[in-house]
Every structure is written in C-alpha cells, then in structure tokens.
Amino acid sequence: MHSKLSLAIISAAMLIAVRAAATTPRSPPSSFGGQCNTGSLRCCDTVGDASDPGIVGLVGDLLDGVSGLVGIGCSPVVGGDTCTNTPVCCENDIFAGLINIGCVAVNTNL
C-alpha cells in the first residue's frame, strides 16, 4: 500500500511539473535578496488562486477548502539566487514544496 501511495505521489508530481512547464510563460530572470514578512521565499513554476480552474486542473482535490494564492512547483530562494519564474512568500507547503499555500506575491521591481 505504501509503495502504491509513493508511486501515486511521484506520478502526480511529474505530471504537475510537465504540465506547469508546458503552460507557464517564462519571465526574465529576477535576482533579489528579498525577505518575507510571513512564510518563506519561493520561486514557483505556476502561481494562481486556489479556485482557478487551471490550478484545480493541475492538483485536483488536494486544495479542497483552501483559498487564496497557491504556488505549484516551488523551490526555496536562498541568498542571491535567481528566480526565472514567479517569486512568492508562502506560509505552508505540501509534498516538499510541490504545492505551496498561503502565498503572497513578491514585488521584484523595488
């Protein structure tokens, strides 16, 4: 049973990564040393409202009861790292950063 759950999680992660990479326009790299008032600084492949049909299509019912901004396919931004996607500050993550909830957009034009 545990191996089936692991396989399902890995399969979902791969599907999300492929779909996000295929549908997310890339912006020019942003280099910043920003800090978050709440949560941690993340660089996400896809960011949108939890009720957005595109986000729901990527993660299904994993976001039932969640509202607000959600980041998909996120990795931590540390020091002078460059984010070529969408930087956000997120309070919680699911599946080691694959899905981040409680996110707030970061203004990199400061």
PDB file of N, CA and C in Angstrom:
ATOM      1  N   MET A   1       0.832  -1.189   0.000  1.00  0.00           N
ATOM      2  CA  MET A   1       0.000   0.000   0.000  1.00  0.00           C
ATOM      3  C   MET A   1       0.872   1.246   0.000  1.00  0.00           C
ATOM      4  N   HIS A   2       1.931   1.224   0.844  1.00  0.00           N
ATOM      5  CA  HIS A   2       2.813   2.384   0.924  1.00  0.00           C
ATOM      6  C   HIS A   2       3.484   2.654  -0.419  1.00  0.00           C
ATOM      7  N   SER A   3       3.882   1.587  -1.127  1.00  0.00           N
ATOM      8  CA  SER A   3       4.541   1.786  -2.416  1.00  0.00           C
ATOM      9  C   SER A   3       3.565   2.337  -3.449  1.00  0.00           C
ATOM     10  N   LYS A   4       2.292   1.944  -3.381  1.00  0.00           N
ATOM     11  CA  LYS A   4       1.296   2.487  -4.303  1.00  0.00           C
ATOM     12  C   LYS A   4       1.083   3.974  -4.053  1.00  0.00           C
ATOM     13  N   LEU A   5       1.053   4.379  -2.779  1.00  0.00           N
ATOM     14  CA  LEU A   5       0.895   5.792  -2.443  1.00  0.00           C
ATOM     15  C   LEU A   5       2.099   6.587  -2.923  1.00  0.00           C
ATOM     16  N   SER A   6       3.292   6.048  -2.698  1.00  0.00           N
ATOM     17  CA  SER A   6       4.514   6.728  -3.153  1.00  0.00           C
ATOM     18  C   SER A   6       4.514   6.874  -4.663  1.00  0.00           C
ATOM     19  N   LEU A   7       4.133   5.818  -5.371  1.00  0.00           N
ATOM     20  CA  LEU A   7       4.080   5.867  -6.828  1.00  0.00           C
ATOM     21  C   LEU A   7       3.062   6.899  -7.292  1.00  0.00           C
ATOM     22  N   ALA A   8       1.915   6.968  -6.624  1.00  0.00           N
ATOM     23  CA  ALA A   8       0.889   7.944  -6.994  1.00  0.00           C
ATOM     24  C   ALA A   8       1.387   9.367  -6.782  1.00  0.00           C
ATOM     25  N   ILE A   9       2.083   9.613  -5.678  1.00  0.00           N
ATOM     26  CA  ILE A   9       2.603  10.953  -5.392  1.00  0.00           C
ATOM     27  C   ILE A   9       3.668  11.337  -6.409  1.00  0.00           C
ATOM     28  N   ILE A  10       4.574  10.411  -6.708  1.00  0.00           N
ATOM     29  CA  ILE A  10       5.627  10.695  -7.693  1.00  0.00           C
ATOM     30  C   ILE A  10       5.020  10.938  -9.065  1.00  0.00           C
ATOM     31  N   SER A  11       4.041  10.131  -9.455  1.00  0.00           N
ATOM     32  CA  SER A  11       3.382  10.315 -10.749  1.00  0.00           C
ATOM     33  C   SER A  11       2.687  11.664 -10.823  1.00  0.00           C
ATOM     34  N   ALA A  12       1.992  12.037  -9.753  1.00  0.00           N
ATOM     35  CA  ALA A  12       1.312  13.336  -9.726  1.00  0.00           C
ATOM     36  C   ALA A  12       2.318  14.470  -9.813  1.00  0.00           C
ATOM     37  N   ALA A  13       3.429  14.336  -9.107  1.00  0.00           N
ATOM     38  CA  ALA A  13       4.460  15.377  -9.136  1.00  0.00           C
ATOM     39  C   ALA A  13       5.029  15.545 -10.532  1.00  0.00           C
ATOM     40  N   MET A  14       5.287  14.434 -11.205  1.00  0.00           N
ATOM     41  CA  MET A  14       5.836  14.513 -12.561  1.00  0.00           C
ATOM     42  C   MET A  14       4.822  15.131 -13.517  1.00  0.00           C
ATOM     43  N   LEU A  15       3.558  14.745 -13.399  1.00  0.00           N
ATOM     44  CA  LEU A  15       2.519  15.300 -14.256  1.00  0.00           C
ATOM     45  C   LEU A  15       2.386  16.800 -14.040  1.00  0.00           C
ATOM     46  N   ILE A  16       2.384  17.226 -12.798  1.00  0.00           N
ATOM     47  CA  ILE A  16       2.275  18.653 -12.491  1.00  0.00           C
ATOM     48  C   ILE A  16       3.465  19.410 -13.052  1.00  0.00           C
ATOM     49  N   ALA A  17       4.659  18.880 -12.875  1.00  0.00           N
ATOM     50  CA  ALA A  17       5.857  19.561 -13.367  1.00  0.00           C
ATOM     51  C   ALA A  17       5.827  19.698 -14.879  1.00  0.00           C
ATOM     52  N   VAL A  18       5.427  18.647 -15.575  1.00  0.00           N
ATOM     53  CA  VAL A  18       5.375  18.691 -17.040  1.00  0.00           C
ATOM     54  C   VAL A  18       4.304  19.662 -17.508  1.00  0.00           C
ATOM     55  N   ARG A  19       3.108  19.593 -16.920  1.00  0.00           N
ATOM     56  CA  ARG A  19       2.029  20.491 -17.333  1.00  0.00           C
ATOM     57  C   ARG A  19       2.353  21.938 -17.005  1.00  0.00           C
ATOM     58  N   ALA A  20       2.958  22.183 -15.854  1.00  0.00           N
ATOM     59  CA  ALA A  20       3.305  23.549 -15.468  1.00  0.00           C
ATOM     60  C   ALA A  20       4.369  24.110 -16.392  1.00  0.00           C
ATOM     61  N   ALA A  21       5.364  23.319 -16.722  1.00  0.00           N
ATOM     62  CA  ALA A  21       6.430  23.787 -17.605  1.00  0.00           C
ATOM     63  C   ALA A  21       5.899  24.064 -19.000  1.00  0.00           C
ATOM     64  N   ALA A  22       4.927  23.282 -19.433  1.00  0.00           N
ATOM     65  CA  ALA A  22       4.387  23.454 -20.776  1.00  0.00           C
ATOM     66  C   ALA A  22       3.451  24.650 -20.882  1.00  0.00           C
ATOM     67  N   THR A  23       2.829  25.064 -19.776  1.00  0.00           N
ATOM     68  CA  THR A  23       1.818  26.114 -19.855  1.00  0.00           C
ATOM     69  C   THR A  23       2.224  27.431 -19.218  1.00  0.00           C
ATOM     70  N   THR A  24       3.371  27.485 -18.580  1.00  0.00           N
ATOM     71  CA  THR A  24       3.762  28.691 -17.865  1.00  0.00           C
ATOM     72  C   THR A  24       4.712  29.530 -18.694  1.00  0.00           C
ATOM     73  N   PRO A  25       4.326  30.776 -19.051  1.00  0.00           N
ATOM     74  CA  PRO A  25       5.271  31.637 -19.756  1.00  0.00           C
ATOM     75  C   PRO A  25       6.413  32.025 -18.833  1.00  0.00           C
ATOM     76  N   ARG A  26       7.587  32.113 -19.379  1.00  0.00           N
ATOM     77  CA  ARG A  26       8.764  32.458 -18.585  1.00  0.00           C
ATOM     78  C   ARG A  26       9.015  33.955 -18.660  1.00  0.00           C
ATOM     79  N   SER A  27       9.347  34.536 -17.527  1.00  0.00           N
ATOM     80  CA  SER A  27       9.700  35.950 -17.479  1.00  0.00           C
ATOM     81  C   SER A  27      11.211  36.051 -17.353  1.00  0.00           C
ATOM     82  N   PRO A  28      11.779  37.232 -17.598  1.00  0.00           N
ATOM     83  CA  PRO A  28      13.220  37.377 -17.453  1.00  0.00           C
ATOM     84  C   PRO A  28      13.646  37.069 -16.024  1.00  0.00           C
ATOM     85  N   PRO A  29      14.866  36.556 -15.851  1.00  0.00           N
ATOM     86  CA  PRO A  29      15.323  36.239 -14.501  1.00  0.00           C
ATOM     87  C   PRO A  29      15.299  37.458 -13.592  1.00  0.00           C
ATOM     88  N   SER A  30      14.919  37.239 -12.349  1.00  0.00           N
ATOM     89  CA  SER A  30      14.936  38.294 -11.339  1.00  0.00           C
ATOM     90  C   SER A  30      15.927  37.887 -10.269  1.00  0.00           C
ATOM     91  N   SER A  31      16.845  38.759  -9.948  1.00  0.00           N
ATOM     92  CA  SER A  31      17.782  38.479  -8.873  1.00  0.00           C
ATOM     93  C   SER A  31      17.457  39.430  -7.736  1.00  0.00           C
ATOM     94  N   PHE A  32      17.215  38.880  -6.557  1.00  0.00           N
ATOM     95  CA  PHE A  32      16.827  39.716  -5.439  1.00  0.00           C
ATOM     96  C   PHE A  32      17.209  39.032  -4.146  1.00  0.00           C
ATOM     97  N   GLY A  33      17.372  39.794  -3.140  1.00  0.00           N
ATOM     98  CA  GLY A  33      17.678  39.257  -1.822  1.00  0.00           C
ATOM     99  C   GLY A  33      16.524  39.498  -0.884  1.00  0.00           C
ATOM    100  N   GLY A  34      15.305  39.496  -1.422  1.00  0.00           N
ATOM    101  CA  GLY A  34      14.122  39.831  -0.649  1.00  0.00           C
ATOM    102  C   GLY A  34      13.869  38.901   0.512  1.00  0.00           C
ATOM    103  N   GLN A  35      13.134  39.414   1.477  1.00  0.00           N
ATOM    104  CA  GLN A  35      12.729  38.624   2.622  1.00  0.00           C
ATOM    105  C   GLN A  35      11.223  38.717   2.752  1.00  0.00           C
ATOM    106  N   CYS A  36      10.651  37.728   3.400  1.00  0.00           N
ATOM    107  CA  CYS A  36       9.205  37.672   3.581  1.00  0.00           C
ATOM    108  C   CYS A  36       8.830  38.099   4.991  1.00  0.00           C
ATOM    109  N   ASN A  37       7.706  38.825   5.097  1.00  0.00           N
ATOM    110  CA  ASN A  37       7.169  39.152   6.415  1.00  0.00           C
ATOM    111  C   ASN A  37       6.583  37.907   7.063  1.00  0.00           C
ATOM    112  N   THR A  38       5.959  37.050   6.250  1.00  0.00           N
ATOM    113  CA  THR A  38       5.441  35.765   6.725  1.00  0.00           C
ATOM    114  C   THR A  38       5.812  34.699   5.712  1.00  0.00           C
ATOM    115  N   GLY A  39       6.078  33.509   6.176  1.00  0.00           N
ATOM    116  CA  GLY A  39       6.397  32.406   5.289  1.00  0.00           C
ATOM    117  C   GLY A  39       7.806  32.492   4.740  1.00  0.00           C
ATOM    118  N   SER A  40       8.074  31.638   3.754  1.00  0.00           N
ATOM    119  CA  SER A  40       9.407  31.596   3.160  1.00  0.00           C
ATOM    120  C   SER A  40       9.357  31.987   1.691  1.00  0.00           C
ATOM    121  N   LEU A  41      10.463  32.538   1.208  1.00  0.00           N
ATOM    122  CA  LEU A  41      10.571  32.990  -0.172  1.00  0.00           C
ATOM    123  C   LEU A  41      10.735  31.789  -1.086  1.00  0.00           C
ATOM    124  N   ARG A  42       9.876  31.687  -2.091  1.00  0.00           N
ATOM    125  CA  ARG A  42       9.863  30.565  -3.023  1.00  0.00           C
ATOM    126  C   ARG A  42       9.846  31.066  -4.458  1.00  0.00           C
ATOM    127  N   CYS A  43      10.389  30.275  -5.353  1.00  0.00           N
ATOM    128  CA  CYS A  43      10.315  30.527  -6.787  1.00  0.00           C
ATOM    129  C   CYS A  43       9.430  29.430  -7.367  1.00  0.00           C
ATOM    130  N   CYS A  44       8.270  29.811  -7.917  1.00  0.00           N
ATOM    131  CA  CYS A  44       7.266  28.830  -8.342  1.00  0.00           C
ATOM    132  C   CYS A  44       7.083  28.819  -9.854  1.00  0.00           C
ATOM    133  N   ASP A  45       6.865  27.613 -10.398  1.00  0.00           N
ATOM    134  CA  ASP A  45       6.585  27.463 -11.823  1.00  0.00           C
ATOM    135  C   ASP A  45       5.230  28.059 -12.178  1.00  0.00           C
ATOM    136  N   THR A  46       4.241  27.861 -11.311  1.00  0.00           N
ATOM    137  CA  THR A  46       2.882  28.331 -11.552  1.00  0.00           C
ATOM    138  C   THR A  46       2.336  28.939 -10.267  1.00  0.00           C
ATOM    139  N   VAL A  47       1.685  30.089 -10.369  1.00  0.00           N
ATOM    140  CA  VAL A  47       1.048  30.735  -9.221  1.00  0.00           C
ATOM    141  C   VAL A  47      -0.348  31.168  -9.647  1.00  0.00           C
ATOM    142  N   GLY A  48      -1.334  30.910  -8.799  1.00  0.00           N
ATOM    143  CA  GLY A  48      -2.693  31.327  -9.099  1.00  0.00           C
ATOM    144  C   GLY A  48      -3.593  31.131  -7.898  1.00  0.00           C
ATOM    145  N   ASP A  49      -4.832  31.568  -8.036  1.00  0.00           N
ATOM    146  CA  ASP A  49      -5.808  31.418  -6.968  1.00  0.00           C
ATOM    147  C   ASP A  49      -6.201  29.951  -6.838  1.00  0.00           C
ATOM    148  N   ALA A  50      -6.413  29.506  -5.613  1.00  0.00           N
ATOM    149  CA  ALA A  50      -6.756  28.103  -5.356  1.00  0.00           C
ATOM    150  C   ALA A  50      -8.022  27.674  -6.084  1.00  0.00           C
ATOM    151  N   SER A  51      -8.903  28.621  -6.417  1.00  0.00           N
ATOM    152  CA  SER A  51     -10.141  28.282  -7.120  1.00  0.00           C
ATOM    153  C   SER A  51     -10.004  28.387  -8.637  1.00  0.00           C
ATOM    154  N   ASP A  52      -8.849  28.824  -9.131  1.00  0.00           N
ATOM    155  CA  ASP A  52      -8.619  28.957 -10.570  1.00  0.00           C
ATOM    156  C   ASP A  52      -8.708  27.578 -11.232  1.00  0.00           C
ATOM    157  N   PRO A  53      -9.504  27.457 -12.306  1.00  0.00           N
ATOM    158  CA  PRO A  53      -9.647  26.154 -12.968  1.00  0.00           C
ATOM    159  C   PRO A  53      -8.310  25.556 -13.431  1.00  0.00           C
ATOM    160  N   GLY A  54      -7.363  26.392 -13.815  1.00  0.00           N
ATOM    161  CA  GLY A  54      -6.055  25.885 -14.224  1.00  0.00           C
ATOM    162  C   GLY A  54      -5.303  25.246 -13.074  1.00  0.00           C
ATOM    163  N   ILE A  55      -5.378  25.865 -11.897  1.00  0.00           N
ATOM    164  CA  ILE A  55      -4.725  25.313 -10.707  1.00  0.00           C
ATOM    165  C   ILE A  55      -5.443  24.038 -10.272  1.00  0.00           C
ATOM    166  N   VAL A  56      -6.769  24.080 -10.234  1.00  0.00           N
ATOM    167  CA  VAL A  56      -7.550  22.903  -9.846  1.00  0.00           C
ATOM    168  C   VAL A  56      -7.265  21.754 -10.811  1.00  0.00           C
ATOM    169  N   GLY A  57      -7.112  22.075 -12.101  1.00  0.00           N
ATOM    170  CA  GLY A  57      -6.795  21.047 -13.085  1.00  0.00           C
ATOM    171  C   GLY A  57      -5.447  20.396 -12.845  1.00  0.00           C
ATOM    172  N   LEU A  58      -4.502  21.144 -12.288  1.00  0.00           N
ATOM    173  CA  LEU A  58      -3.172  20.597 -12.019  1.00  0.00           C
ATOM    174  C   LEU A  58      -3.136  19.713 -10.783  1.00  0.00           C
ATOM    175  N   VAL A  59      -3.844  20.110  -9.729  1.00  0.00           N
ATOM    176  CA  VAL A  59      -3.712  19.395  -8.451  1.00  0.00           C
ATOM    177  C   VAL A  59      -4.989  18.704  -7.987  1.00  0.00           C
ATOM    178  N   GLY A  60      -6.060  18.824  -8.726  1.00  0.00           N
ATOM    179  CA  GLY A  60      -7.295  18.133  -8.363  1.00  0.00           C
ATOM    180  C   GLY A  60      -7.852  18.590  -7.032  1.00  0.00           C
ATOM    181  N   ASP A  61      -8.303  17.633  -6.236  1.00  0.00           N
ATOM    182  CA  ASP A  61      -8.972  17.962  -4.977  1.00  0.00           C
ATOM    183  C   ASP A  61      -8.013  18.137  -3.804  1.00  0.00           C
ATOM    184  N   LEU A  62      -6.712  18.215  -4.048  1.00  0.00           N
ATOM    185  CA  LEU A  62      -5.750  18.433  -2.965  1.00  0.00           C
ATOM    186  C   LEU A  62      -5.941  19.786  -2.289  1.00  0.00           C
ATOM    187  N   LEU A  63      -6.603  20.727  -2.973  1.00  0.00           N
ATOM    188  CA  LEU A  63      -6.783  22.070  -2.427  1.00  0.00           C
ATOM    189  C   LEU A  63      -8.197  22.318  -1.916  1.00  0.00           C
ATOM    190  N   ASP A  64      -8.979  21.259  -1.708  1.00  0.00           N
ATOM    191  CA  ASP A  64     -10.327  21.438  -1.165  1.00  0.00           C
ATOM    192  C   ASP A  64     -10.256  22.201   0.149  1.00  0.00           C
ATOM    193  N   GLY A  65     -11.032  23.268   0.261  1.00  0.00           N
ATOM    194  CA  GLY A  65     -11.070  24.071   1.475  1.00  0.00           C
ATOM    195  C   GLY A  65      -9.986  25.130   1.560  1.00  0.00           C
ATOM    196  N   VAL A  66      -9.099  25.182   0.565  1.00  0.00           N
ATOM    197  CA  VAL A  66      -8.016  26.169   0.553  1.00  0.00           C
ATOM    198  C   VAL A  66      -8.459  27.367  -0.273  1.00  0.00           C
ATOM    199  N   SER A  67      -8.149  28.569   0.192  1.00  0.00           N
ATOM    200  CA  SER A  67      -8.444  29.776  -0.579  1.00  0.00           C
ATOM    201  C   SER A  67      -7.185  30.622  -0.650  1.00  0.00           C
ATOM    202  N   GLY A  68      -7.187  31.559  -1.570  1.00  0.00           N
ATOM    203  CA  GLY A  68      -6.041  32.452  -1.709  1.00  0.00           C
ATOM    204  C   GLY A  68      -5.051  31.973  -2.748  1.00  0.00           C
ATOM    205  N   LEU A  69      -3.888  32.599  -2.746  1.00  0.00           N
ATOM    206  CA  LEU A  69      -2.852  32.344  -3.734  1.00  0.00           C
ATOM    207  C   LEU A  69      -2.114  31.042  -3.424  1.00  0.00           C
ATOM    208  N   VAL A  70      -1.872  30.252  -4.477  1.00  0.00           N
ATOM    209  CA  VAL A  70      -1.212  28.955  -4.363  1.00  0.00           C
ATOM    210  C   VAL A  70      -0.048  28.914  -5.340  1.00  0.00           C
ATOM    211  N   GLY A  71       1.064  28.341  -4.914  1.00  0.00           N
ATOM    212  CA  GLY A  71       2.217  28.148  -5.784  1.00  0.00           C
ATOM    213  C   GLY A  71       2.414  26.675  -6.081  1.00  0.00           C
ATOM    214  N   ILE A  72       2.698  26.347  -7.345  1.00  0.00           N
ATOM    215  CA  ILE A  72       2.904  24.966  -7.770  1.00  0.00           C
ATOM    216  C   ILE A  72       4.330  24.826  -8.295  1.00  0.00           C
ATOM    217  N   GLY A  73       4.998  23.760  -7.918  1.00  0.00           N
ATOM    218  CA  GLY A  73       6.361  23.506  -8.382  1.00  0.00           C
ATOM    219  C   GLY A  73       7.338  24.543  -7.868  1.00  0.00           C
ATOM    220  N   CYS A  74       7.363  24.754  -6.567  1.00  0.00           N
ATOM    221  CA  CYS A  74       8.171  25.817  -5.960  1.00  0.00           C
ATOM    222  C   CYS A  74       9.463  25.277  -5.361  1.00  0.00           C
ATOM    223  N   SER A  75      10.467  26.129  -5.360  1.00  0.00           N
ATOM    224  CA  SER A  75      11.726  25.812  -4.689  1.00  0.00           C
ATOM    225  C   SER A  75      12.139  27.026  -3.868  1.00  0.00           C
ATOM    226  N   PRO A  76      12.883  26.808  -2.789  1.00  0.00           N
ATOM    227  CA  PRO A  76      13.298  27.930  -1.940  1.00  0.00           C
ATOM    228  C   PRO A  76      14.258  28.863  -2.671  1.00  0.00           C
ATOM    229  N   VAL A  77      14.170  30.149  -2.366  1.00  0.00           N
ATOM    230  CA  VAL A  77      15.116  31.139  -2.884  1.00  0.00           C
ATOM    231  C   VAL A  77      16.029  31.495  -1.720  1.00  0.00           C
ATOM    232  N   VAL A  78      17.312  31.272  -1.915  1.00  0.00           N
ATOM    233  CA  VAL A  78      18.285  31.473  -0.844  1.00  0.00           C
ATOM    234  C   VAL A  78      19.346  32.460  -1.304  1.00  0.00           C
ATOM    235  N   GLY A  79      19.674  33.412  -0.434  1.00  0.00           N
ATOM    236  CA  GLY A  79      20.737  34.371  -0.743  1.00  0.00           C
ATOM    237  C   GLY A  79      20.485  35.124  -2.030  1.00  0.00           C
ATOM    238  N   GLY A  80      21.441  35.111  -2.935  1.00  0.00           N
ATOM    239  CA  GLY A  80      21.324  35.830  -4.202  1.00  0.00           C
ATOM    240  C   GLY A  80      20.823  34.972  -5.341  1.00  0.00           C
ATOM    241  N   ASP A  81      20.064  33.908  -5.027  1.00  0.00           N
ATOM    242  CA  ASP A  81      19.531  33.037  -6.075  1.00  0.00           C
ATOM    243  C   ASP A  81      18.730  33.836  -7.095  1.00  0.00           C
ATOM    244  N   THR A  82      18.659  33.326  -8.298  1.00  0.00           N
ATOM    245  CA  THR A  82      17.883  33.932  -9.371  1.00  0.00           C
ATOM    246  C   THR A  82      16.597  33.137  -9.559  1.00  0.00           C
ATOM    247  N   CYS A  83      15.487  33.849  -9.699  1.00  0.00           N
ATOM    248  CA  CYS A  83      14.197  33.208  -9.949  1.00  0.00           C
ATOM    249  C   CYS A  83      13.754  33.582 -11.355  1.00  0.00           C
ATOM    250  N   THR A  84      13.662  32.593 -12.249  1.00  0.00           N
ATOM    251  CA  THR A  84      13.232  32.864 -13.617  1.00  0.00           C
ATOM    252  C   THR A  84      11.726  32.702 -13.782  1.00  0.00           C
ATOM    253  N   ASN A  85      11.025  32.359 -12.706  1.00  0.00           N
ATOM    254  CA  ASN A  85       9.587  32.179 -12.753  1.00  0.00           C
ATOM    255  C   ASN A  85       8.895  33.221 -11.886  1.00  0.00           C
ATOM    256  N   THR A  86       8.080  32.801 -10.927  1.00  0.00           N
ATOM    257  CA  THR A  86       7.307  33.722 -10.104  1.00  0.00           C
ATOM    258  C   THR A  86       7.728  33.630  -8.642  1.00  0.00           C
ATOM    259  N   PRO A  87       8.321  34.703  -8.087  1.00  0.00           N
ATOM    260  CA  PRO A  87       8.683  34.680  -6.669  1.00  0.00           C
ATOM    261  C   PRO A  87       7.477  35.009  -5.787  1.00  0.00           C
ATOM    262  N   VAL A  88       7.290  34.226  -4.729  1.00  0.00           N
ATOM    263  CA  VAL A  88       6.207  34.436  -3.775  1.00  0.00           C
ATOM    264  C   VAL A  88       6.696  34.098  -2.370  1.00  0.00           C
ATOM    265  N   CYS A  89       5.993  34.610  -1.372  1.00  0.00           N
ATOM    266  CA  CYS A  89       6.220  34.221   0.017  1.00  0.00           C
ATOM    267  C   CYS A  89       5.058  33.315   0.404  1.00  0.00           C
ATOM    268  N   CYS A  90       5.363  32.103   0.876  1.00  0.00           N
ATOM    269  CA  CYS A  90       4.319  31.130   1.200  1.00  0.00           C
ATOM    270  C   CYS A  90       4.467  30.643   2.633  1.00  0.00           C
ATOM    271  N   GLU A  91       3.327  30.463   3.305  1.00  0.00           N
ATOM    272  CA  GLU A  91       3.319  30.031   4.697  1.00  0.00           C
ATOM    273  C   GLU A  91       3.426  28.524   4.861  1.00  0.00           C
ATOM    274  N   ASN A  92       2.852  27.743   3.957  1.00  0.00           N
ATOM    275  CA  ASN A  92       2.830  26.283   4.106  1.00  0.00           C
ATOM    276  C   ASN A  92       3.134  25.615   2.780  1.00  0.00           C
ATOM    277  N   ASP A  93       3.766  24.439   2.853  1.00  0.00           N
ATOM    278  CA  ASP A  93       3.967  23.669   1.634  1.00  0.00           C
ATOM    279  C   ASP A  93       3.531  22.227   1.846  1.00  0.00           C
ATOM    280  N   ILE A  94       3.160  21.607   0.743  1.00  0.00           N
ATOM    281  CA  ILE A  94       2.712  20.222   0.733  1.00  0.00           C
ATOM    282  C   ILE A  94       3.624  19.470  -0.231  1.00  0.00           C
ATOM    283  N   PHE A  95       3.988  18.255   0.088  1.00  0.00           N
ATOM    284  CA  PHE A  95       4.850  17.425  -0.758  1.00  0.00           C
ATOM    285  C   PHE A  95       6.178  18.107  -1.035  1.00  0.00           C
ATOM    286  N   ALA A  96       6.847  18.568   0.008  1.00  0.00           N
ATOM    287  CA  ALA A  96       8.203  19.147  -0.078  1.00  0.00           C
ATOM    288  C   ALA A  96       8.291  20.298  -1.077  1.00  0.00           C
ATOM    289  N   GLY A  97       7.295  21.183  -1.057  1.00  0.00           N
ATOM    290  CA  GLY A  97       7.342  22.372  -1.894  1.00  0.00           C
ATOM    291  C   GLY A  97       6.641  22.239  -3.226  1.00  0.00           C
ATOM    292  N   LEU A  98       6.157  21.056  -3.554  1.00  0.00           N
ATOM    293  CA  LEU A  98       5.462  20.873  -4.819  1.00  0.00           C
ATOM    294  C   LEU A  98       4.221  21.753  -4.880  1.00  0.00           C
ATOM    295  N   ILE A  99       3.497  21.838  -3.758  1.00  0.00           N
ATOM    296  CA  ILE A  99       2.317  22.695  -3.657  1.00  0.00           C
ATOM    297  C   ILE A  99       2.511  23.590  -2.443  1.00  0.00           C
ATOM    298  N   ASN A 100       2.393  24.908  -2.629  1.00  0.00           N
ATOM    299  CA  ASN A 100       2.560  25.880  -1.544  1.00  0.00           C
ATOM    300  C   ASN A 100       1.278  26.674  -1.394  1.00  0.00           C
ATOM    301  N   ILE A 101       0.815  26.833  -0.146  1.00  0.00           N
ATOM    302  CA  ILE A 101      -0.419  27.574   0.099  1.00  0.00           C
ATOM    303  C   ILE A 101      -0.134  28.752   1.022  1.00  0.00           C
ATOM    304  N   GLY A 102      -1.073  29.685   1.056  1.00  0.00           N
ATOM    305  CA  GLY A 102      -0.891  30.884   1.870  1.00  0.00           C
ATOM    306  C   GLY A 102       0.174  31.790   1.282  1.00  0.00           C
ATOM    307  N   CYS A 103       0.178  31.924  -0.040  1.00  0.00           N
ATOM    308  CA  CYS A 103       1.229  32.691  -0.723  1.00  0.00           C
ATOM    309  C   CYS A 103       0.837  34.152  -0.939  1.00  0.00           C
ATOM    310  N   VAL A 104       1.855  34.998  -1.007  1.00  0.00           N
ATOM    311  CA  VAL A 104       1.708  36.422  -1.304  1.00  0.00           C
ATOM    312  C   VAL A 104       2.743  36.751  -2.370  1.00  0.00           C
ATOM    313  N   ALA A 105       2.325  37.469  -3.409  1.00  0.00           N
ATOM    314  CA  ALA A 105       3.243  37.832  -4.491  1.00  0.00           C
ATOM    315  C   ALA A 105       4.341  38.748  -3.975  1.00  0.00           C
ATOM    316  N   VAL A 106       5.538  38.598  -4.534  1.00  0.00           N
ATOM    317  CA  VAL A 106       6.687  39.424  -4.173  1.00  0.00           C
ATOM    318  C   VAL A 106       6.920  40.422  -5.293  1.00  0.00           C
ATOM    319  N   ASN A 107       7.051  41.695  -4.933  1.00  0.00           N
ATOM    320  CA  ASN A 107       7.341  42.734  -5.919  1.00  0.00           C
ATOM    321  C   ASN A 107       8.848  42.796  -6.127  1.00  0.00           C
ATOM    322  N   THR A 108       9.308  42.369  -7.295  1.00  0.00           N
ATOM    323  CA  THR A 108      10.746  42.365  -7.581  1.00  0.00           C
ATOM    324  C   THR A 108      11.198  43.660  -8.239  1.00  0.00           C
ATOM    325  N   ASN A 109      10.284  44.611  -8.401  1.00  0.00           N
ATOM    326  CA  ASN A 109      10.626  45.878  -9.052  1.00  0.00           C
ATOM    327  C   ASN A 109      11.019  46.953  -8.052  1.00  0.00           C
ATOM    328  N   LEU A 110      11.349  46.581  -6.838  1.00  0.00           N
ATOM    329  CA  LEU A 110      11.708  47.570  -5.814  1.00  0.00           C
ATOM    330  C   LEU A 110      13.140  48.013  -5.974  1.00  0.00           C
TER     331      LEU A 110
END
